[in-house]
């Protein structure tokens, strides 16, 4: 692990903004009326996928030798 890792603040400022936006979107979404039985399950699956993608950035940054990063 390099010196830039920080357990208390694992996200960069911009990553934290994205995570906070996801949390806010989730809070707003769950207040909506359900229009299909699968709505909430689908929402939860995909919001967790987005959070996982964002969290993977921490591993890529702190452990680049194990978690490959390819910049386009």
PDB file of N, CA and C in Angstrom:
ATOM      1  N   UNK A   1       0.855  -1.183   0.000  1.00  0.00           N
ATOM      2  CA  UNK A   1       0.000   0.000   0.000  1.00  0.00           C
ATOM      3  C   UNK A   1       0.893   1.236   0.000  1.00  0.00           C
ATOM      4  N   UNK A   2       0.523   2.214  -0.803  1.00  0.00           N
ATOM      5  CA  UNK A   2       1.334   3.422  -0.842  1.00  0.00           C
ATOM      6  C   UNK A   2       0.865   4.417   0.216  1.00  0.00           C
ATOM      7  N   UNK A   3       1.584   5.513   0.342  1.00  0.00           N
ATOM      8  CA  UNK A   3       1.288   6.502   1.376  1.00  0.00           C
ATOM      9  C   UNK A   3       0.004   7.280   1.135  1.00  0.00           C
ATOM     10  N   UNK A   4      -0.569   7.196  -0.073  1.00  0.00           N
ATOM     11  CA  UNK A   4      -1.760   7.985  -0.379  1.00  0.00           C
ATOM     12  C   UNK A   4      -3.041   7.358   0.153  1.00  0.00           C
ATOM     13  N   UNK A   5      -2.978   6.090   0.589  1.00  0.00           N
ATOM     14  CA  UNK A   5      -4.209   5.461   1.085  1.00  0.00           C
ATOM     15  C   UNK A   5      -4.589   6.057   2.433  1.00  0.00           C
ATOM     16  N   UNK A   6      -5.893   6.135   2.644  1.00  0.00           N
ATOM     17  CA  UNK A   6      -6.397   6.710   3.876  1.00  0.00           C
ATOM     18  C   UNK A   6      -7.672   5.973   4.247  1.00  0.00           C
ATOM     19  N   UNK A   7      -7.613   5.163   5.286  1.00  0.00           N
ATOM     20  CA  UNK A   7      -8.755   4.344   5.668  1.00  0.00           C
ATOM     21  C   UNK A   7      -9.955   5.204   6.050  1.00  0.00           C
ATOM     22  N   UNK A   8      -9.722   6.317   6.689  1.00  0.00           N
ATOM     23  CA  UNK A   8     -10.836   7.153   7.119  1.00  0.00           C
ATOM     24  C   UNK A   8     -11.506   7.876   5.966  1.00  0.00           C
ATOM     25  N   UNK A   9     -10.764   8.205   4.922  1.00  0.00           N
ATOM     26  CA  UNK A   9     -11.311   8.891   3.750  1.00  0.00           C
ATOM     27  C   UNK A   9     -10.814   8.164   2.510  1.00  0.00           C
ATOM     28  N   UNK A  10     -11.453   7.035   2.204  1.00  0.00           N
ATOM     29  CA  UNK A  10     -10.943   6.225   1.094  1.00  0.00           C
ATOM     30  C   UNK A  10     -11.203   6.821  -0.278  1.00  0.00           C
ATOM     31  N   UNK A  11     -12.244   7.645  -0.418  1.00  0.00           N
ATOM     32  CA  UNK A  11     -12.592   8.215  -1.713  1.00  0.00           C
ATOM     33  C   UNK A  11     -11.901   9.554  -1.932  1.00  0.00           C
ATOM     34  N   UNK A  12     -11.610   9.842  -3.195  1.00  0.00           N
ATOM     35  CA  UNK A  12     -11.169  11.197  -3.531  1.00  0.00           C
ATOM     36  C   UNK A  12     -12.378  12.112  -3.342  1.00  0.00           C
ATOM     37  N   UNK A  13     -12.156  13.393  -3.408  1.00  0.00           N
ATOM     38  CA  UNK A  13     -13.263  14.344  -3.252  1.00  0.00           C
ATOM     39  C   UNK A  13     -14.350  14.102  -4.314  1.00  0.00           C
ATOM     40  N   UNK A  14     -13.933  13.909  -5.565  1.00  0.00           N
ATOM     41  CA  UNK A  14     -14.894  13.691  -6.652  1.00  0.00           C
ATOM     42  C   UNK A  14     -15.620  12.347  -6.489  1.00  0.00           C
ATOM     43  N   UNK A  15     -14.896  11.302  -6.099  1.00  0.00           N
ATOM     44  CA  UNK A  15     -15.523  10.001  -5.861  1.00  0.00           C
ATOM     45  C   UNK A  15     -16.545  10.100  -4.736  1.00  0.00           C
ATOM     46  N   UNK A  16     -16.215  10.846  -3.706  1.00  0.00           N
ATOM     47  CA  UNK A  16     -17.136  11.026  -2.593  1.00  0.00           C
ATOM     48  C   UNK A  16     -18.406  11.746  -3.062  1.00  0.00           C
ATOM     49  N   UNK A  17     -18.247  12.730  -3.949  1.00  0.00           N
ATOM     50  CA  UNK A  17     -19.422  13.419  -4.506  1.00  0.00           C
ATOM     51  C   UNK A  17     -20.321  12.432  -5.242  1.00  0.00           C
ATOM     52  N   UNK A  18     -19.713  11.541  -6.015  1.00  0.00           N
ATOM     53  CA  UNK A  18     -20.488  10.540  -6.752  1.00  0.00           C
ATOM     54  C   UNK A  18     -21.205   9.612  -5.774  1.00  0.00           C
ATOM     55  N   UNK A  19     -20.501   9.128  -4.748  1.00  0.00           N
ATOM     56  CA  UNK A  19     -21.121   8.228  -3.776  1.00  0.00           C
ATOM     57  C   UNK A  19     -22.268   8.924  -3.050  1.00  0.00           C
ATOM     58  N   UNK A  20     -22.072  10.166  -2.657  1.00  0.00           N
ATOM     59  CA  UNK A  20     -23.142  10.914  -1.997  1.00  0.00           C
ATOM     60  C   UNK A  20     -24.340  11.091  -2.933  1.00  0.00           C
ATOM     61  N   UNK A  21     -24.074  11.282  -4.215  1.00  0.00           N
ATOM     62  CA  UNK A  21     -25.169  11.391  -5.189  1.00  0.00           C
ATOM     63  C   UNK A  21     -25.937  10.078  -5.301  1.00  0.00           C
ATOM     64  N   UNK A  22     -25.222   8.962  -5.287  1.00  0.00           N
ATOM     65  CA  UNK A  22     -25.889   7.654  -5.324  1.00  0.00           C
ATOM     66  C   UNK A  22     -26.762   7.451  -4.087  1.00  0.00           C
ATOM     67  N   UNK A  23     -26.238   7.830  -2.933  1.00  0.00           N
ATOM     68  CA  UNK A  23     -26.997   7.699  -1.690  1.00  0.00           C
ATOM     69  C   UNK A  23     -28.247   8.575  -1.732  1.00  0.00           C
ATOM     70  N   UNK A  24     -28.082   9.801  -2.225  1.00  0.00           N
ATOM     71  CA  UNK A  24     -29.225  10.710  -2.339  1.00  0.00           C
ATOM     72  C   UNK A  24     -30.256  10.166  -3.331  1.00  0.00           C
ATOM     73  N   UNK A  25     -29.785   9.642  -4.459  1.00  0.00           N
ATOM     74  CA  UNK A  25     -30.696   9.064  -5.456  1.00  0.00           C
ATOM     75  C   UNK A  25     -31.456   7.888  -4.859  1.00  0.00           C
ATOM     76  N   UNK A  26     -30.775   7.067  -4.087  1.00  0.00           N
ATOM     77  CA  UNK A  26     -31.443   5.924  -3.457  1.00  0.00           C
ATOM     78  C   UNK A  26     -32.538   6.398  -2.502  1.00  0.00           C
ATOM     79  N   UNK A  27     -32.211   7.378  -1.683  1.00  0.00           N
ATOM     80  CA  UNK A  27     -33.198   7.911  -0.750  1.00  0.00           C
ATOM     81  C   UNK A  27     -34.428   8.447  -1.454  1.00  0.00           C
ATOM     82  N   UNK A  28     -34.216   9.104  -2.566  1.00  0.00           N
ATOM     83  CA  UNK A  28     -35.342   9.634  -3.339  1.00  0.00           C
ATOM     84  C   UNK A  28     -36.117   8.517  -4.022  1.00  0.00           C
ATOM     85  N   UNK A  29     -35.396   7.537  -4.555  1.00  0.00           N
ATOM     86  CA  UNK A  29     -36.058   6.470  -5.297  1.00  0.00           C
ATOM     87  C   UNK A  29     -36.988   5.643  -4.409  1.00  0.00           C
ATOM     88  N   UNK A  30     -36.523   5.320  -3.215  1.00  0.00           N
ATOM     89  CA  UNK A  30     -37.351   4.453  -2.370  1.00  0.00           C
ATOM     90  C   UNK A  30     -38.636   5.138  -1.903  1.00  0.00           C
ATOM     91  N   UNK A  31     -38.725   6.439  -2.076  1.00  0.00           N
ATOM     92  CA  UNK A  31     -39.959   7.155  -1.747  1.00  0.00           C
ATOM     93  C   UNK A  31     -40.991   7.081  -2.873  1.00  0.00           C
ATOM     94  N   UNK A  32     -40.556   6.641  -4.064  1.00  0.00           N
ATOM     95  CA  UNK A  32     -41.478   6.545  -5.196  1.00  0.00           C
ATOM     96  C   UNK A  32     -42.445   5.377  -5.016  1.00  0.00           C
ATOM     97  N   UNK A  33     -43.627   5.541  -5.575  1.00  0.00           N
ATOM     98  CA  UNK A  33     -44.596   4.457  -5.589  1.00  0.00           C
ATOM     99  C   UNK A  33     -44.083   3.342  -6.497  1.00  0.00           C
ATOM    100  N   UNK A  34     -44.228   2.112  -6.076  1.00  0.00           N
ATOM    101  CA  UNK A  34     -43.815   0.973  -6.894  1.00  0.00           C
ATOM    102  C   UNK A  34     -44.798   0.790  -8.035  1.00  0.00           C
ATOM    103  N   UNK A  35     -44.279   0.558  -9.221  1.00  0.00           N
ATOM    104  CA  UNK A  35     -45.127   0.325 -10.387  1.00  0.00           C
ATOM    105  C   UNK A  35     -44.965  -1.087 -10.927  1.00  0.00           C
ATOM    106  N   UNK A  36     -44.045  -1.845 -10.338  1.00  0.00           N
ATOM    107  CA  UNK A  36     -43.811  -3.220 -10.762  1.00  0.00           C
ATOM    108  C   UNK A  36     -43.200  -3.977  -9.587  1.00  0.00           C
ATOM    109  N   UNK A  37     -43.555  -5.250  -9.419  1.00  0.00           N
ATOM    110  CA  UNK A  37     -43.026  -6.020  -8.279  1.00  0.00           C
ATOM    111  C   UNK A  37     -41.503  -6.116  -8.244  1.00  0.00           C
ATOM    112  N   UNK A  38     -40.866  -6.014  -9.383  1.00  0.00           N
ATOM    113  CA  UNK A  38     -39.403  -6.140  -9.439  1.00  0.00           C
ATOM    114  C   UNK A  38     -38.670  -4.816  -9.263  1.00  0.00           C
ATOM    115  N   UNK A  39     -39.395  -3.721  -9.201  1.00  0.00           N
ATOM    116  CA  UNK A  39     -38.757  -2.395  -9.153  1.00  0.00           C
ATOM    117  C   UNK A  39     -37.682  -2.290  -8.076  1.00  0.00           C
ATOM    118  N   UNK A  40     -38.039  -2.573  -6.848  1.00  0.00           N
ATOM    119  CA  UNK A  40     -37.089  -2.363  -5.753  1.00  0.00           C
ATOM    120  C   UNK A  40     -35.903  -3.308  -5.855  1.00  0.00           C
ATOM    121  N   UNK A  41     -36.153  -4.568  -6.156  1.00  0.00           N
ATOM    122  CA  UNK A  41     -35.046  -5.519  -6.298  1.00  0.00           C
ATOM    123  C   UNK A  41     -34.087  -5.130  -7.402  1.00  0.00           C
ATOM    124  N   UNK A  42     -34.642  -4.720  -8.545  1.00  0.00           N
ATOM    125  CA  UNK A  42     -33.802  -4.269  -9.656  1.00  0.00           C
ATOM    126  C   UNK A  42     -33.002  -3.029  -9.262  1.00  0.00           C
ATOM    127  N   UNK A  43     -33.676  -2.100  -8.613  1.00  0.00           N
ATOM    128  CA  UNK A  43     -33.005  -0.872  -8.171  1.00  0.00           C
ATOM    129  C   UNK A  43     -31.841  -1.200  -7.239  1.00  0.00           C
ATOM    130  N   UNK A  44     -32.095  -2.029  -6.247  1.00  0.00           N
ATOM    131  CA  UNK A  44     -31.057  -2.373  -5.277  1.00  0.00           C
ATOM    132  C   UNK A  44     -29.872  -3.079  -5.939  1.00  0.00           C
ATOM    133  N   UNK A  45     -30.169  -3.997  -6.841  1.00  0.00           N
ATOM    134  CA  UNK A  45     -29.098  -4.703  -7.549  1.00  0.00           C
ATOM    135  C   UNK A  45     -28.198  -3.710  -8.277  1.00  0.00           C
ATOM    136  N   UNK A  46     -28.808  -2.774  -8.983  1.00  0.00           N
ATOM    137  CA  UNK A  46     -28.022  -1.851  -9.801  1.00  0.00           C
ATOM    138  C   UNK A  46     -27.365  -0.742  -8.995  1.00  0.00           C
ATOM    139  N   UNK A  47     -28.002  -0.283  -7.941  1.00  0.00           N
ATOM    140  CA  UNK A  47     -27.344   0.743  -7.110  1.00  0.00           C
ATOM    141  C   UNK A  47     -26.118   0.130  -6.433  1.00  0.00           C
ATOM    142  N   UNK A  48     -26.233  -1.129  -6.021  1.00  0.00           N
ATOM    143  CA  UNK A  48     -25.074  -1.805  -5.424  1.00  0.00           C
ATOM    144  C   UNK A  48     -23.982  -2.025  -6.464  1.00  0.00           C
ATOM    145  N   UNK A  49     -24.354  -2.316  -7.697  1.00  0.00           N
ATOM    146  CA  UNK A  49     -23.353  -2.466  -8.759  1.00  0.00           C
ATOM    147  C   UNK A  49     -22.595  -1.159  -8.964  1.00  0.00           C
ATOM    148  N   UNK A  50     -23.303  -0.042  -8.966  1.00  0.00           N
ATOM    149  CA  UNK A  50     -22.647   1.262  -9.118  1.00  0.00           C
ATOM    150  C   UNK A  50     -21.723   1.550  -7.937  1.00  0.00           C
ATOM    151  N   UNK A  51     -22.173   1.232  -6.728  1.00  0.00           N
ATOM    152  CA  UNK A  51     -21.326   1.439  -5.552  1.00  0.00           C
ATOM    153  C   UNK A  51     -20.091   0.536  -5.602  1.00  0.00           C
ATOM    154  N   UNK A  52     -20.258  -0.681  -6.088  1.00  0.00           N
ATOM    155  CA  UNK A  52     -19.120  -1.593  -6.214  1.00  0.00           C
ATOM    156  C   UNK A  52     -18.099  -1.075  -7.217  1.00  0.00           C
ATOM    157  N   UNK A  53     -18.577  -0.543  -8.342  1.00  0.00           N
ATOM    158  CA  UNK A  53     -17.669   0.018  -9.342  1.00  0.00           C
ATOM    159  C   UNK A  53     -16.876   1.172  -8.736  1.00  0.00           C
ATOM    160  N   UNK A  54     -17.562   2.029  -8.013  1.00  0.00           N
ATOM    161  CA  UNK A  54     -16.891   3.165  -7.377  1.00  0.00           C
ATOM    162  C   UNK A  54     -15.897   2.690  -6.316  1.00  0.00           C
ATOM    163  N   UNK A  55     -16.287   1.715  -5.529  1.00  0.00           N
ATOM    164  CA  UNK A  55     -15.405   1.191  -4.481  1.00  0.00           C
ATOM    165  C   UNK A  55     -14.182   0.496  -5.058  1.00  0.00           C
ATOM    166  N   UNK A  56     -14.325  -0.118  -6.220  1.00  0.00           N
ATOM    167  CA  UNK A  56     -13.196  -0.794  -6.860  1.00  0.00           C
ATOM    168  C   UNK A  56     -12.061   0.184  -7.155  1.00  0.00           C
ATOM    169  N   UNK A  57     -12.396   1.436  -7.332  1.00  0.00           N
ATOM    170  CA  UNK A  57     -11.362   2.442  -7.586  1.00  0.00           C
ATOM    171  C   UNK A  57     -10.371   2.530  -6.427  1.00  0.00           C
ATOM    172  N   UNK A  58     -10.849   2.321  -5.214  1.00  0.00           N
ATOM    173  CA  UNK A  58      -9.972   2.355  -4.043  1.00  0.00           C
ATOM    174  C   UNK A  58      -8.950   1.226  -4.145  1.00  0.00           C
ATOM    175  N   UNK A  59      -9.442   0.018  -4.448  1.00  0.00           N
ATOM    176  CA  UNK A  59      -8.533  -1.118  -4.581  1.00  0.00           C
ATOM    177  C   UNK A  59      -7.549  -0.909  -5.722  1.00  0.00           C
ATOM    178  N   UNK A  60      -8.019  -0.389  -6.844  1.00  0.00           N
ATOM    179  CA  UNK A  60      -7.127  -0.135  -7.975  1.00  0.00           C
ATOM    180  C   UNK A  60      -6.059   0.890  -7.624  1.00  0.00           C
ATOM    181  N   UNK A  61      -6.432   1.880  -6.850  1.00  0.00           N
ATOM    182  CA  UNK A  61      -5.496   2.936  -6.478  1.00  0.00           C
ATOM    183  C   UNK A  61      -4.498   2.430  -5.425  1.00  0.00           C
ATOM    184  N   UNK A  62      -4.998   1.712  -4.419  1.00  0.00           N
ATOM    185  CA  UNK A  62      -4.142   1.290  -3.313  1.00  0.00           C
ATOM    186  C   UNK A  62      -3.361   0.008  -3.590  1.00  0.00           C
ATOM    187  N   UNK A  63      -3.879  -0.829  -4.481  1.00  0.00           N
ATOM    188  CA  UNK A  63      -3.233  -2.105  -4.783  1.00  0.00           C
ATOM    189  C   UNK A  63      -3.143  -2.328  -6.293  1.00  0.00           C
ATOM    190  N   UNK A  64      -2.458  -1.453  -7.010  1.00  0.00           N
ATOM    191  CA  UNK A  64      -2.407  -1.567  -8.479  1.00  0.00           C
ATOM    192  C   UNK A  64      -1.739  -2.855  -8.949  1.00  0.00           C
ATOM    193  N   UNK A  65      -0.918  -3.451  -8.113  1.00  0.00           N
ATOM    194  CA  UNK A  65      -0.260  -4.693  -8.504  1.00  0.00           C
ATOM    195  C   UNK A  65      -1.239  -5.879  -8.524  1.00  0.00           C
ATOM    196  N   UNK A  66      -2.384  -5.744  -7.866  1.00  0.00           N
ATOM    197  CA  UNK A  66      -3.378  -6.814  -7.811  1.00  0.00           C
ATOM    198  C   UNK A  66      -4.650  -6.497  -8.594  1.00  0.00           C
ATOM    199  N   UNK A  67      -4.988  -5.219  -8.711  1.00  0.00           N
ATOM    200  CA  UNK A  67      -6.230  -4.803  -9.357  1.00  0.00           C
ATOM    201  C   UNK A  67      -5.876  -3.910 -10.541  1.00  0.00           C
ATOM    202  N   UNK A  68      -5.925  -4.514 -11.714  1.00  0.00           N
ATOM    203  CA  UNK A  68      -5.495  -3.884 -12.950  1.00  0.00           C
ATOM    204  C   UNK A  68      -6.326  -2.641 -13.275  1.00  0.00           C
ATOM    205  N   UNK A  69      -5.645  -1.628 -13.751  1.00  0.00           N
ATOM    206  CA  UNK A  69      -6.289  -0.403 -14.217  1.00  0.00           C
ATOM    207  C   UNK A  69      -5.829  -0.151 -15.643  1.00  0.00           C
ATOM    208  N   UNK A  70      -6.780   0.082 -16.513  1.00  0.00           N
ATOM    209  CA  UNK A  70      -6.466   0.426 -17.895  1.00  0.00           C
ATOM    210  C   UNK A  70      -7.123   1.754 -18.201  1.00  0.00           C
ATOM    211  N   UNK A  71      -6.306   2.748 -18.408  1.00  0.00           N
ATOM    212  CA  UNK A  71      -6.818   4.080 -18.722  1.00  0.00           C
ATOM    213  C   UNK A  71      -6.935   4.221 -20.220  1.00  0.00           C
ATOM    214  N   UNK A  72      -8.066   4.775 -20.655  1.00  0.00           N
ATOM    215  CA  UNK A  72      -8.277   4.930 -22.104  1.00  0.00           C
ATOM    216  C   UNK A  72      -7.784   6.260 -22.598  1.00  0.00           C
TER     217      UNK A  72
END
